[in-house]
Amino acid sequence: MKKSTSTSSNILFFIHPHIFLLLLLICQWASFASAVAAALSSRGGSWNLLLSNIGISAMHMQLLNNDRVVMFDRTDFGMSNISLPDGKCRYDQNDTTLKVDCTAHSIEYDIASNSIRPLMVQTDVWCSSSSVFPDGSLVQTGGFNDGEKVVRVFKPCSNATTIGTCDWEEIQGGLIQRRWYSTNHILPDGRQIIIGGRRAFNYEFYPKSASANNSYSLPFLVKTNDPNKIENNLYPFVFLNVDGNLFIFANNRAILFDYTKNVVLKNYPEIPGGDPRNYPSTGSAVLLPLKNLQAQEIQAEVLVCGGAPKGSYTSALNGNFSGALSTCGRITITDPNPQWTMETMPLARTMGDMVILPNGNVLIINGATMGTAGWECGRDPVLKPVIYRPDNPFDSRFEIQNSSTIPRMYHSTAVLLRDGRVLVGGSNPHIYYNFTGVLFPTELSLEAFSPSYLDSISEYLRPQIISPASQYAIGYGQRIPIRFKVAGWVDINLVTVTMVAPGFNTHSFTMNQRLLVLASENVKLIGENAYQINVVTPNNAKLAPPGYYLLFVVHQDIPSEGIWVKIQ
């Protein structure tokens, strides 16, 4: 007897040829889309020079909710390359470089028009810190000399054309302690905490209140301070944990800190190897994407990468440049018994910046392979960024990207933009502006790195948000329908929605940077190439402090252009 064919063969035999062809095309299209998405992940990104001269060296950088980026360097550099308008000048008899300075040391960069506008800052903002308040204002604290106790506020607006509109406002004596090389973090109640700084082993809050009008001792900063002016605990890495307490990493170890009671809740183990990761050894760190936000217990992980071995700063001051660290430490800070897992980057790096991309991957960019931060202390620039994919298997998380041609050494910066590019600027390892006769001239250019998800080949996979419109107000624990379009085939199992808090970047650390993956329901087709996904916003301000975030729809690791949302 002849054997019968398989059941699947019988089913295929009775399918109409046209339907069979359609199914075949769908399978081939889905397979092709997956193959293209996989290929995109390894293309290496691209670079674009935006402006060759913005007038200042972008030492500090913050994206605001009007799609403009505020940048500043320092007031005691001497004359910058951009004049203040309308004959304005800065008068400062205490400035050791220039008593009368008619040039700007802060600018506003308009992304849409690729243009700059000079801003007027009076006191010295060098090596300062900032957070964006819930109303969208950039609140900047401290600096050097006459700026060390000053608070400065920049309120964004969209129609400013002169220096007298939308400019810095300065509040003398706004701080209790001098704040130089400090770190700020926005808190669930909308205040910001300012932690540490050079010879400042304490913290304080801004704005002040009757119950918090003082500074508070933090002995952890004393313990992590290396002697003989080496320090290695400046610009500590600070992250708001999901329980509302602060994870504070300084030098080579960390604590979980209850700032409301001034109590250390947990001492984390020292990072393996014991090498310093903060300024001047200067590694970088990020809070990895927060997921499963509706779960009873939410996991939080921190990644610390790069830096320099013990003794490197002293060696560099003496003209001997040690190789940078190539290791990253990853730790689940919410675990009852947390331990570090060490990974090795393909390129050693000090003074690197870590930027969380909308799809949850981390871009490691800028920096050097030898030396440390500090004047003339770095050598051998790292021109190639690296992408870190936290969800990949352990041995396949790092991918080297395409190279820039511009060294970005000490005092470089990088921030995420709403369109998914990363804005890159700065680099000045000199006490003054210095453009000739040095290894790494003061860099005034501005460029953008476009990750491979922005390649044209991915256009048909890229979501476009239809609704809500940008500047949308949301609440906590709110169910929101997000509608979007995709020109090509959509894999409904590979659609997520993320919220990113843009951070303040300086000295290789981005303060307040945070990405949340929103809980979501199934994707539904609602029209031609149009879809809807319902998401639930974070339940409380411990997960997402109030203020402005960028919301993205991500399909197969390819993000849409973001929209601004304000959670309150």
Protein backbone atom coordinates (compact mmCIF):
# COMPACT_ATOMS: atom_id res chain seq x y z
CA MET A 1 0.00 0.00 0.00
CA LYS A 2 1.20 3.46 -0.89
CA LYS A 3 1.99 5.64 2.15
CA SER A 4 -0.17 8.72 2.58
CA THR A 5 1.35 12.18 2.52
CA SER A 6 1.67 14.20 5.76
CA THR A 7 -1.21 16.20 7.18
CA SER A 8 0.58 19.49 6.42
CA SER A 9 0.98 18.48 2.79
CA ASN A 10 -2.74 17.68 2.54
CA ILE A 11 -3.60 21.08 4.01
CA LEU A 12 -1.36 22.89 1.56
CA PHE A 13 -2.87 20.90 -1.31
CA PHE A 14 -6.37 22.22 -0.55
CA ILE A 15 -5.29 25.91 -0.08
CA HIS A 16 -6.20 28.11 -3.02
CA PRO A 17 -3.04 28.89 -5.04
CA HIS A 18 -3.52 32.66 -4.65
CA ILE A 19 -3.86 32.37 -0.88
CA PHE A 20 -0.85 30.08 -0.75
CA LEU A 21 1.18 32.64 -2.73
CA LEU A 22 0.07 35.40 -0.39
CA LEU A 23 1.07 33.39 2.67
CA LEU A 24 4.41 32.63 1.09
CA LEU A 25 5.01 36.32 0.37
CA ILE A 26 4.07 37.26 3.93
CA CYS A 27 6.50 34.71 5.35
CA GLN A 28 9.24 35.89 3.02
CA TRP A 29 8.55 39.55 3.89
CA ALA A 30 8.65 38.86 7.62
CA SER A 31 11.84 36.89 7.21
CA PHE A 32 13.35 39.69 5.13
CA ALA A 33 12.32 42.32 7.69
CA SER A 34 13.94 40.33 10.49
CA ALA A 35 17.09 39.90 8.43
CA VAL A 36 17.24 43.63 7.69
CA ALA A 37 16.70 44.48 11.36
CA ALA A 38 19.54 42.13 12.29
CA ALA A 39 21.77 43.67 9.63
CA LEU A 40 21.00 47.17 10.90
CA SER A 41 22.29 46.31 14.35
CA SER A 42 25.80 45.82 13.01
CA ARG A 43 26.14 48.65 10.47
CA GLY A 44 28.04 50.90 12.86
CA GLY A 45 26.18 54.22 12.62
CA SER A 46 27.29 57.43 10.93
CA TRP A 47 28.69 60.84 11.81
CA ASN A 48 27.69 64.32 10.65
CA LEU A 49 29.46 67.62 11.35
CA LEU A 50 26.72 70.09 12.30
CA LEU A 51 28.69 73.25 13.01
CA SER A 52 32.44 73.76 12.86
CA ASN A 53 32.40 76.60 15.38
CA ILE A 54 29.75 77.21 18.05
CA GLY A 55 31.90 79.82 19.78
CA ILE A 56 32.45 77.92 23.03
CA SER A 57 33.69 74.49 24.02
CA ALA A 58 30.60 72.50 25.07
CA MET A 59 31.73 71.39 28.52
CA HIS A 60 28.17 71.10 29.91
CA MET A 61 25.06 70.17 27.92
CA GLN A 62 21.29 69.73 28.49
CA LEU A 63 18.40 69.10 26.06
CA LEU A 64 15.24 71.03 26.99
CA ASN A 65 11.61 70.41 26.06
CA ASN A 66 11.60 73.08 23.32
CA ASP A 67 14.12 70.97 21.36
CA ARG A 68 16.97 73.31 22.13
CA VAL A 69 20.20 72.41 23.90
CA VAL A 70 21.82 74.71 26.44
CA MET A 71 25.63 74.51 26.63
CA PHE A 72 28.29 76.35 28.62
CA ASP A 73 31.98 76.16 29.42
CA ARG A 74 33.55 78.59 31.96
CA THR A 75 33.83 82.34 32.35
CA ASP A 76 37.54 82.49 33.23
CA PHE A 77 38.85 80.93 30.01
CA GLY A 78 39.42 84.32 28.42
CA MET A 79 37.50 85.50 25.34
CA SER A 80 35.37 82.91 23.58
CA ASN A 81 34.72 82.89 19.82
CA ILE A 82 31.19 84.30 20.01
CA SER A 83 30.27 87.85 21.04
CA LEU A 84 27.46 88.91 23.29
CA PRO A 85 24.90 90.95 21.31
CA ASP A 86 23.96 94.62 21.63
CA GLY A 87 27.27 95.67 23.17
CA LYS A 88 26.73 93.59 26.30
CA CYS A 89 29.79 92.74 28.38
CA ARG A 90 30.56 90.86 31.55
CA TYR A 91 32.36 92.90 34.22
CA ASP A 92 34.19 91.00 36.95
CA GLN A 93 37.08 92.55 38.85
CA ASN A 94 37.78 89.19 40.51
CA ASP A 95 38.32 87.38 37.20
CA THR A 96 42.02 86.54 37.00
CA THR A 97 41.91 86.29 33.19
CA LEU A 98 39.73 89.11 31.89
CA LYS A 99 38.11 91.93 33.89
CA VAL A 100 35.86 92.95 31.01
CA ASP A 101 34.63 90.20 28.69
CA CYS A 102 32.21 90.96 25.85
CA THR A 103 32.01 87.33 24.68
CA ALA A 104 29.52 84.63 25.61
CA HIS A 105 30.34 81.51 27.62
CA SER A 106 26.95 79.88 27.20
CA ILE A 107 24.85 79.25 24.10
CA GLU A 108 21.48 77.84 23.11
CA TYR A 109 21.55 75.45 20.16
CA ASP A 110 18.37 75.22 18.06
CA ILE A 111 18.23 71.69 16.65
CA ALA A 112 15.66 72.43 13.94
CA SER A 113 17.52 75.36 12.40
CA ASN A 114 21.02 74.11 13.31
CA SER A 115 21.79 77.56 14.71
CA ILE A 116 23.11 79.02 17.95
CA ARG A 117 22.24 81.96 20.16
CA PRO A 118 24.66 83.45 22.72
CA LEU A 119 23.54 83.54 26.36
CA MET A 120 24.75 85.74 29.19
CA VAL A 121 26.16 84.02 32.26
CA GLN A 122 27.81 86.28 34.83
CA THR A 123 29.39 83.98 37.43
CA ASP A 124 31.72 81.06 36.78
CA VAL A 125 29.88 77.84 35.85
CA TRP A 126 33.03 75.74 35.48
CA CYS A 127 32.59 72.10 36.61
CA SER A 128 29.07 72.69 37.89
CA SER A 129 25.97 70.48 38.02
CA SER A 130 22.30 70.71 37.06
CA SER A 131 18.85 69.15 36.98
CA VAL A 132 15.72 70.05 35.04
CA PHE A 133 12.84 70.98 37.32
CA PRO A 134 9.32 69.58 36.72
CA ASP A 135 8.29 72.83 35.00
CA GLY A 136 11.05 72.33 32.40
CA SER A 137 13.46 74.94 33.80
CA LEU A 138 17.14 74.08 33.89
CA VAL A 139 18.35 74.72 37.43
CA GLN A 140 22.15 74.84 37.53
CA THR A 141 24.16 74.89 40.75
CA GLY A 142 27.63 75.91 41.79
CA GLY A 143 30.84 76.29 39.85
CA PHE A 144 34.17 77.96 40.57
CA ASN A 145 35.22 81.05 42.54
CA ASP A 146 32.38 83.59 42.40
CA GLY A 147 30.05 80.90 41.10
CA GLU A 148 30.53 78.26 43.76
CA LYS A 149 27.37 79.07 45.77
CA VAL A 150 25.27 80.49 42.94
CA VAL A 151 22.08 78.94 41.54
CA ARG A 152 21.23 79.79 37.92
CA VAL A 153 17.89 79.19 36.22
CA PHE A 154 17.22 78.98 32.48
CA LYS A 155 13.56 78.84 31.47
CA PRO A 156 13.04 77.56 27.91
CA CYS A 157 10.90 79.42 25.41
CA SER A 158 10.37 79.03 21.68
CA ASN A 159 10.51 82.57 20.30
CA ALA A 160 13.67 84.04 21.83
CA THR A 161 15.66 86.10 19.34
CA THR A 162 17.72 88.38 21.59
CA ILE A 163 19.96 87.90 24.58
CA GLY A 164 17.47 89.74 26.77
CA THR A 165 14.80 87.06 26.27
CA CYS A 166 15.02 83.56 27.71
CA ASP A 167 18.39 83.95 29.36
CA TRP A 168 20.10 82.90 32.57
CA GLU A 169 18.80 84.24 35.88
CA GLU A 170 21.31 84.09 38.74
CA ILE A 171 20.52 83.66 42.44
CA GLN A 172 23.45 84.70 44.61
CA GLY A 173 23.86 82.63 47.78
CA GLY A 174 21.35 80.04 46.62
CA LEU A 175 23.55 77.27 48.04
CA ILE A 176 24.82 76.73 51.57
CA GLN A 177 28.06 74.95 50.63
CA ARG A 178 30.44 75.56 47.74
CA ARG A 179 29.57 73.10 44.96
CA TRP A 180 32.33 72.29 42.50
CA TYR A 181 32.38 68.84 40.82
CA SER A 182 29.08 67.93 42.51
CA THR A 183 26.24 65.72 41.30
CA ASN A 184 22.54 66.63 41.23
CA HIS A 185 19.47 64.43 41.05
CA ILE A 186 15.80 65.31 40.76
CA LEU A 187 13.73 63.76 43.58
CA PRO A 188 10.18 62.35 43.63
CA ASP A 189 8.89 65.54 45.26
CA GLY A 190 10.37 67.73 42.51
CA ARG A 191 13.27 69.13 44.51
CA GLN A 192 16.84 68.40 43.55
CA ILE A 193 19.55 67.08 45.83
CA ILE A 194 23.12 68.31 45.36
CA ILE A 195 25.73 65.81 46.54
CA GLY A 196 29.42 66.24 47.22
CA GLY A 197 31.96 68.25 45.31
CA ARG A 198 35.56 69.20 45.97
CA ARG A 199 36.09 69.29 49.75
CA ALA A 200 32.32 69.14 50.23
CA PHE A 201 31.55 65.89 52.06
CA ASN A 202 27.87 66.64 52.40
CA TYR A 203 24.63 67.26 50.53
CA GLU A 204 21.85 69.82 50.40
CA PHE A 205 18.55 70.45 48.65
CA TYR A 206 17.22 73.06 46.30
CA PRO A 207 14.90 74.87 46.60
CA LYS A 208 15.30 75.45 50.31
CA SER A 209 12.48 75.05 52.77
CA ALA A 210 11.94 75.56 56.49
CA SER A 211 12.57 71.85 57.06
CA ALA A 212 15.54 71.57 54.66
CA ASN A 213 17.53 74.75 54.93
CA ASN A 214 20.85 73.22 55.82
CA SER A 215 23.59 70.94 54.51
CA TYR A 216 23.95 67.41 55.82
CA SER A 217 27.09 65.40 56.43
CA LEU A 218 27.77 62.34 54.26
CA PRO A 219 30.75 60.43 55.73
CA PHE A 220 30.75 58.06 52.74
CA LEU A 221 32.33 60.87 50.72
CA VAL A 222 35.13 61.20 53.25
CA LYS A 223 35.80 57.45 53.16
CA THR A 224 35.98 57.40 49.38
CA ASN A 225 38.25 60.43 49.07
CA ASP A 226 41.79 59.41 48.03
CA PRO A 227 44.42 61.52 49.87
CA ASN A 228 47.01 63.92 48.47
CA LYS A 229 44.48 65.75 46.29
CA ILE A 230 43.85 62.65 44.16
CA GLU A 231 40.20 62.42 45.30
CA ASN A 232 38.67 59.96 42.75
CA ASN A 233 35.20 60.55 44.19
CA LEU A 234 34.15 63.77 42.45
CA TYR A 235 31.01 63.82 40.34
CA PRO A 236 29.71 60.71 42.15
CA PHE A 237 27.34 58.48 40.14
CA VAL A 238 23.88 58.98 41.67
CA PHE A 239 20.69 57.16 40.67
CA LEU A 240 17.19 57.20 42.14
CA ASN A 241 16.36 53.60 43.02
CA VAL A 242 12.86 52.20 42.50
CA ASP A 243 12.24 52.33 46.28
CA GLY A 244 12.90 56.07 46.38
CA ASN A 245 16.35 55.81 47.96
CA LEU A 246 19.58 56.89 46.24
CA PHE A 247 22.29 54.61 44.88
CA ILE A 248 25.54 56.59 45.27
CA PHE A 249 28.76 55.27 43.71
CA ALA A 250 32.05 57.03 44.47
CA ASN A 251 35.59 55.90 43.72
CA ASN A 252 35.18 52.09 43.73
CA ARG A 253 32.16 51.36 45.92
CA ALA A 254 28.56 52.34 46.56
CA ILE A 255 25.85 52.78 49.15
CA LEU A 256 22.05 52.80 49.18
CA PHE A 257 21.14 56.02 50.94
CA ASP A 258 17.93 57.24 52.56
CA TYR A 259 18.35 61.00 52.13
CA THR A 260 15.16 61.72 54.13
CA LYS A 261 16.73 60.27 57.29
CA ASN A 262 20.44 60.68 56.47
CA VAL A 263 20.90 56.92 56.86
CA VAL A 264 22.98 54.43 54.86
CA LEU A 265 20.70 51.45 54.23
CA LYS A 266 23.18 49.22 52.47
CA ASN A 267 26.87 49.04 51.66
CA TYR A 268 27.48 47.41 48.28
CA PRO A 269 30.61 45.34 47.68
CA GLU A 270 33.64 47.08 46.22
CA ILE A 271 33.83 46.76 42.46
CA PRO A 272 36.23 43.89 41.62
CA GLY A 273 39.79 45.10 41.10
CA GLY A 274 39.23 48.10 43.34
CA ASP A 275 40.23 50.64 40.70
CA PRO A 276 38.64 54.12 40.84
CA ARG A 277 35.84 55.04 38.44
CA ASN A 278 35.08 58.68 39.32
CA TYR A 279 36.84 61.96 38.59
CA PRO A 280 39.73 62.29 37.89
CA SER A 281 40.04 58.61 36.95
CA THR A 282 36.70 59.21 35.24
CA GLY A 283 34.69 56.27 34.08
CA SER A 284 30.96 56.58 33.46
CA ALA A 285 27.75 54.91 34.60
CA VAL A 286 24.08 54.43 33.72
CA LEU A 287 20.97 53.07 35.33
CA LEU A 288 19.91 50.36 32.88
CA PRO A 289 16.32 50.42 31.54
CA LEU A 290 13.62 49.86 34.14
CA LYS A 291 11.14 47.16 33.04
CA ASN A 292 8.11 45.28 34.37
CA LEU A 293 6.91 48.46 36.03
CA GLN A 294 3.60 46.92 37.15
CA ALA A 295 5.31 44.08 39.01
CA GLN A 296 5.29 43.94 42.78
CA GLU A 297 9.09 43.93 42.82
CA ILE A 298 10.89 45.94 40.15
CA GLN A 299 14.52 45.19 39.37
CA ALA A 300 17.08 47.97 38.93
CA GLU A 301 20.58 47.48 37.50
CA VAL A 302 23.54 49.86 37.27
CA LEU A 303 26.38 49.61 34.75
CA VAL A 304 29.75 51.28 35.48
CA CYS A 305 32.32 51.33 32.66
CA GLY A 306 35.89 52.48 32.18
CA GLY A 307 38.07 54.71 34.32
CA ALA A 308 41.75 54.48 35.15
CA PRO A 309 43.87 52.26 37.45
CA LYS A 310 44.97 53.41 40.88
CA GLY A 311 47.78 55.93 40.70
CA SER A 312 47.04 56.95 37.11
CA TYR A 313 46.26 60.58 37.91
CA THR A 314 49.53 61.15 39.77
CA SER A 315 51.42 59.38 36.98
CA ALA A 316 49.74 61.53 34.33
CA LEU A 317 50.68 64.71 36.17
CA ASN A 318 54.29 63.51 35.93
CA GLY A 319 54.01 62.77 32.20
CA ASN A 320 53.46 59.00 32.46
CA PHE A 321 50.16 57.88 30.99
CA SER A 322 48.70 54.57 32.17
CA GLY A 323 46.33 52.54 30.06
CA ALA A 324 42.64 53.12 30.79
CA LEU A 325 40.38 50.43 32.22
CA SER A 326 38.58 48.14 29.79
CA THR A 327 36.16 46.65 32.33
CA CYS A 328 32.53 47.31 33.15
CA GLY A 329 30.80 46.29 36.35
CA ARG A 330 27.10 45.47 36.34
CA ILE A 331 25.11 45.09 39.54
CA THR A 332 21.44 44.56 40.42
CA ILE A 333 21.06 47.16 43.12
CA THR A 334 17.67 45.82 44.26
CA ASP A 335 18.96 42.31 45.04
CA PRO A 336 19.08 41.30 48.72
CA ASN A 337 22.67 40.12 48.20
CA PRO A 338 23.95 42.15 45.24
CA GLN A 339 27.20 41.18 43.51
CA TRP A 340 29.13 42.71 40.64
CA THR A 341 29.37 40.94 37.30
CA MET A 342 32.40 42.09 35.32
CA GLU A 343 32.48 42.47 31.55
CA THR A 344 35.23 43.58 29.17
CA MET A 345 34.78 46.35 26.62
CA PRO A 346 36.42 45.91 23.21
CA LEU A 347 38.14 49.31 23.73
CA ALA A 348 39.61 50.58 26.99
CA ARG A 349 38.28 54.05 27.84
CA THR A 350 38.60 56.87 30.32
CA MET A 351 36.51 60.06 30.05
CA GLY A 352 33.86 58.20 28.04
CA ASP A 353 30.20 59.21 28.06
CA MET A 354 27.35 56.71 28.36
CA VAL A 355 24.07 57.64 26.65
CA ILE A 356 20.91 55.51 26.90
CA LEU A 357 19.32 55.18 23.47
CA PRO A 358 15.52 55.00 22.98
CA ASN A 359 15.65 51.23 22.38
CA GLY A 360 17.37 50.61 25.71
CA ASN A 361 20.86 50.08 24.35
CA VAL A 362 23.74 52.14 25.74
CA LEU A 363 26.13 54.19 23.59
CA ILE A 364 29.66 54.54 25.00
CA ILE A 365 31.36 57.46 23.27
CA ASN A 366 34.24 60.00 23.57
CA GLY A 367 37.32 59.69 25.76
CA ALA A 368 40.87 58.33 25.68
CA THR A 369 42.70 55.04 26.07
CA MET A 370 45.51 56.46 28.21
CA GLY A 371 45.76 58.82 31.16
CA THR A 372 42.96 60.46 33.13
CA ALA A 373 40.81 63.57 33.23
CA GLY A 374 42.52 66.84 34.13
CA TRP A 375 44.66 69.41 32.38
CA GLU A 376 46.85 67.72 29.73
CA CYS A 377 46.37 64.35 31.44
CA GLY A 378 44.89 62.28 28.58
CA ARG A 379 46.42 60.64 25.53
CA ASP A 380 45.34 58.45 22.60
CA PRO A 381 41.73 59.46 21.85
CA VAL A 382 39.09 56.76 21.36
CA LEU A 383 37.41 57.75 18.10
CA LYS A 384 35.14 54.70 17.87
CA PRO A 385 31.98 54.51 19.97
CA VAL A 386 30.67 51.21 21.27
CA ILE A 387 27.08 50.02 21.59
CA TYR A 388 26.23 47.94 24.68
CA ARG A 389 23.16 45.73 24.35
CA PRO A 390 22.13 44.84 27.92
CA ASP A 391 19.67 42.11 26.90
CA ASN A 392 22.11 40.19 24.68
CA PRO A 393 23.91 37.07 25.90
CA PHE A 394 26.88 37.80 28.15
CA ASP A 395 29.56 37.40 25.48
CA SER A 396 27.83 39.38 22.71
CA ARG A 397 26.81 42.70 24.25
CA PHE A 398 29.43 45.08 22.82
CA GLU A 399 29.59 46.28 19.21
CA ILE A 400 32.20 48.71 17.90
CA GLN A 401 30.75 51.57 15.83
CA ASN A 402 32.14 53.69 13.02
CA SER A 403 34.83 56.20 13.86
CA SER A 404 34.67 59.97 14.23
CA THR A 405 37.59 62.07 13.04
CA ILE A 406 37.47 64.55 15.95
CA PRO A 407 39.13 63.69 19.28
CA ARG A 408 36.81 64.27 22.20
CA MET A 409 39.01 64.33 25.27
CA TYR A 410 38.63 66.07 28.64
CA HIS A 411 35.52 68.28 28.86
CA SER A 412 33.60 66.52 26.07
CA THR A 413 29.84 65.97 26.12
CA ALA A 414 27.09 63.87 24.53
CA VAL A 415 23.27 63.93 24.85
CA LEU A 416 20.35 62.14 23.19
CA LEU A 417 18.10 64.18 20.88
CA ARG A 418 14.39 63.69 20.17
CA ASP A 419 15.08 62.34 16.67
CA GLY A 420 17.30 59.57 18.05
CA ARG A 421 20.65 61.13 17.16
CA VAL A 422 23.32 61.78 19.78
CA LEU A 423 24.69 65.32 19.92
CA VAL A 424 28.47 65.41 20.58
CA GLY A 425 30.60 68.42 21.45
CA GLY A 426 33.35 69.84 23.60
CA SER A 427 36.94 68.81 24.37
CA ASN A 428 39.33 71.23 25.99
CA PRO A 429 42.13 69.75 28.09
CA HIS A 430 43.75 73.19 28.51
CA ILE A 431 43.43 75.86 31.19
CA TYR A 432 42.51 78.42 28.51
CA TYR A 433 41.25 78.30 24.93
CA ASN A 434 44.21 76.91 23.02
CA PHE A 435 44.02 76.22 19.28
CA THR A 436 47.65 75.85 18.18
CA GLY A 437 50.82 74.07 19.22
CA VAL A 438 49.06 71.45 21.36
CA LEU A 439 48.21 67.77 20.91
CA PHE A 440 44.46 68.31 21.26
CA PRO A 441 43.37 71.88 20.42
CA THR A 442 40.31 73.38 22.08
CA GLU A 443 37.37 71.96 20.14
CA LEU A 444 34.50 74.29 19.20
CA SER A 445 32.72 71.99 16.76
CA LEU A 446 29.39 70.23 17.16
CA GLU A 447 28.58 66.92 15.50
CA ALA A 448 25.92 64.23 15.63
CA PHE A 449 26.28 60.46 15.79
CA SER A 450 23.39 58.60 14.16
CA PRO A 451 23.04 55.00 15.39
CA SER A 452 22.32 52.42 12.73
CA TYR A 453 18.60 52.49 13.53
CA LEU A 454 18.53 55.82 11.63
CA ASP A 455 19.90 54.30 8.41
CA SER A 456 17.60 54.80 5.41
CA ILE A 457 17.23 51.05 4.98
CA SER A 458 15.17 50.97 8.18
CA GLU A 459 12.61 53.58 7.10
CA TYR A 460 9.86 51.06 6.35
CA LEU A 461 10.28 49.53 9.84
CA ARG A 462 10.38 52.85 11.71
CA PRO A 463 7.26 53.85 13.66
CA GLN A 464 5.79 57.32 13.34
CA ILE A 465 3.67 58.45 16.28
CA ILE A 466 0.24 59.73 15.21
CA SER A 467 -1.15 60.52 18.64
CA PRO A 468 -0.90 61.90 21.20
CA ALA A 469 0.74 65.11 20.06
CA SER A 470 3.99 66.30 21.59
CA GLN A 471 3.83 68.23 24.90
CA TYR A 472 1.19 65.78 26.14
CA ALA A 473 0.40 65.81 29.89
CA ILE A 474 0.13 62.44 31.62
CA GLY A 475 -0.47 61.23 35.16
CA TYR A 476 0.84 58.33 37.19
CA GLY A 477 -0.67 54.88 36.62
CA GLN A 478 -2.62 56.20 33.63
CA ARG A 479 -3.70 54.03 30.69
CA ILE A 480 -2.89 55.79 27.41
CA PRO A 481 -3.53 54.73 23.80
CA ILE A 482 -0.54 55.38 21.55
CA ARG A 483 -1.27 55.39 17.82
CA PHE A 484 1.48 55.05 15.26
CA LYS A 485 2.18 54.22 11.63
CA VAL A 486 4.71 51.85 10.09
CA ALA A 487 5.14 51.72 6.31
CA GLY A 488 6.22 48.09 6.21
CA TRP A 489 5.49 44.82 7.94
CA VAL A 490 4.99 45.06 11.72
CA ASP A 491 6.04 42.31 14.10
CA ILE A 492 3.52 42.99 16.86
CA ASN A 493 5.62 41.00 19.32
CA LEU A 494 8.52 43.40 18.89
CA VAL A 495 6.82 46.71 19.66
CA THR A 496 7.56 48.54 22.91
CA VAL A 497 7.06 52.05 24.26
CA THR A 498 9.82 53.77 26.22
CA MET A 499 10.08 56.97 28.24
CA VAL A 500 13.48 58.66 28.47
CA ALA A 501 14.42 61.42 30.91
CA PRO A 502 17.02 63.61 29.14
CA GLY A 503 19.93 64.26 31.49
CA PHE A 504 22.54 66.92 32.18
CA ASN A 505 25.91 65.83 30.82
CA THR A 506 29.33 66.93 31.99
CA HIS A 507 32.61 65.25 32.92
CA SER A 508 31.54 61.84 31.54
CA PHE A 509 28.36 61.53 33.60
CA THR A 510 24.76 62.27 32.65
CA MET A 511 22.77 63.24 35.73
CA ASN A 512 19.09 62.21 35.90
CA GLN A 513 19.30 60.05 32.76
CA ARG A 514 16.63 57.35 32.97
CA LEU A 515 14.69 55.02 30.63
CA LEU A 516 11.46 53.24 31.49
CA VAL A 517 9.85 50.51 29.38
CA LEU A 518 6.11 51.03 29.78
CA ALA A 519 3.72 48.17 30.42
CA SER A 520 1.67 47.58 27.30
CA GLU A 521 -1.13 45.53 25.77
CA ASN A 522 -1.22 43.85 22.37
CA VAL A 523 -0.74 45.93 19.25
CA LYS A 524 -3.93 46.36 17.19
CA LEU A 525 -4.33 47.26 13.54
CA ILE A 526 -6.66 50.30 13.32
CA GLY A 527 -6.24 51.36 9.68
CA GLU A 528 -3.95 51.19 6.70
CA ASN A 529 -0.45 50.91 8.15
CA ALA A 530 -1.84 52.35 11.39
CA TYR A 531 -1.69 50.68 14.80
CA GLN A 532 -2.57 51.27 18.42
CA ILE A 533 -0.81 50.09 21.55
CA ASN A 534 -2.22 50.82 25.00
CA VAL A 535 0.37 51.57 27.68
CA VAL A 536 0.30 52.23 31.40
CA THR A 537 2.45 55.05 32.74
CA PRO A 538 4.70 54.51 35.80
CA ASN A 539 2.74 54.20 39.02
CA ASN A 540 4.61 56.75 41.09
CA ALA A 541 7.30 59.44 41.21
CA LYS A 542 9.86 57.06 42.68
CA LEU A 543 9.94 55.35 39.30
CA ALA A 544 9.61 58.53 37.25
CA PRO A 545 10.19 61.85 39.00
CA PRO A 546 7.83 64.58 37.76
CA GLY A 547 8.79 66.51 34.66
CA TYR A 548 9.40 66.20 30.94
CA TYR A 549 10.28 62.92 29.22
CA LEU A 550 10.73 61.78 25.64
CA LEU A 551 8.29 59.02 24.64
CA PHE A 552 9.26 56.63 21.83
CA VAL A 553 7.58 53.74 20.05
CA VAL A 554 10.22 51.12 19.29
CA HIS A 555 9.76 48.44 16.62
CA GLN A 556 12.41 45.76 16.18
CA ASP A 557 14.92 47.98 18.01
CA ILE A 558 14.13 50.91 15.67
CA PRO A 559 12.67 53.92 17.52
CA SER A 560 10.24 56.51 16.26
CA GLU A 561 10.98 60.16 16.62
CA GLY A 562 10.10 60.98 20.21
CA ILE A 563 7.33 63.18 21.53
CA TRP A 564 7.53 65.25 24.70
CA VAL A 565 5.32 64.15 27.57
CA LYS A 566 5.04 65.75 30.99
CA ILE A 567 4.28 63.47 33.90
CA GLN A 568 2.87 65.02 37.05
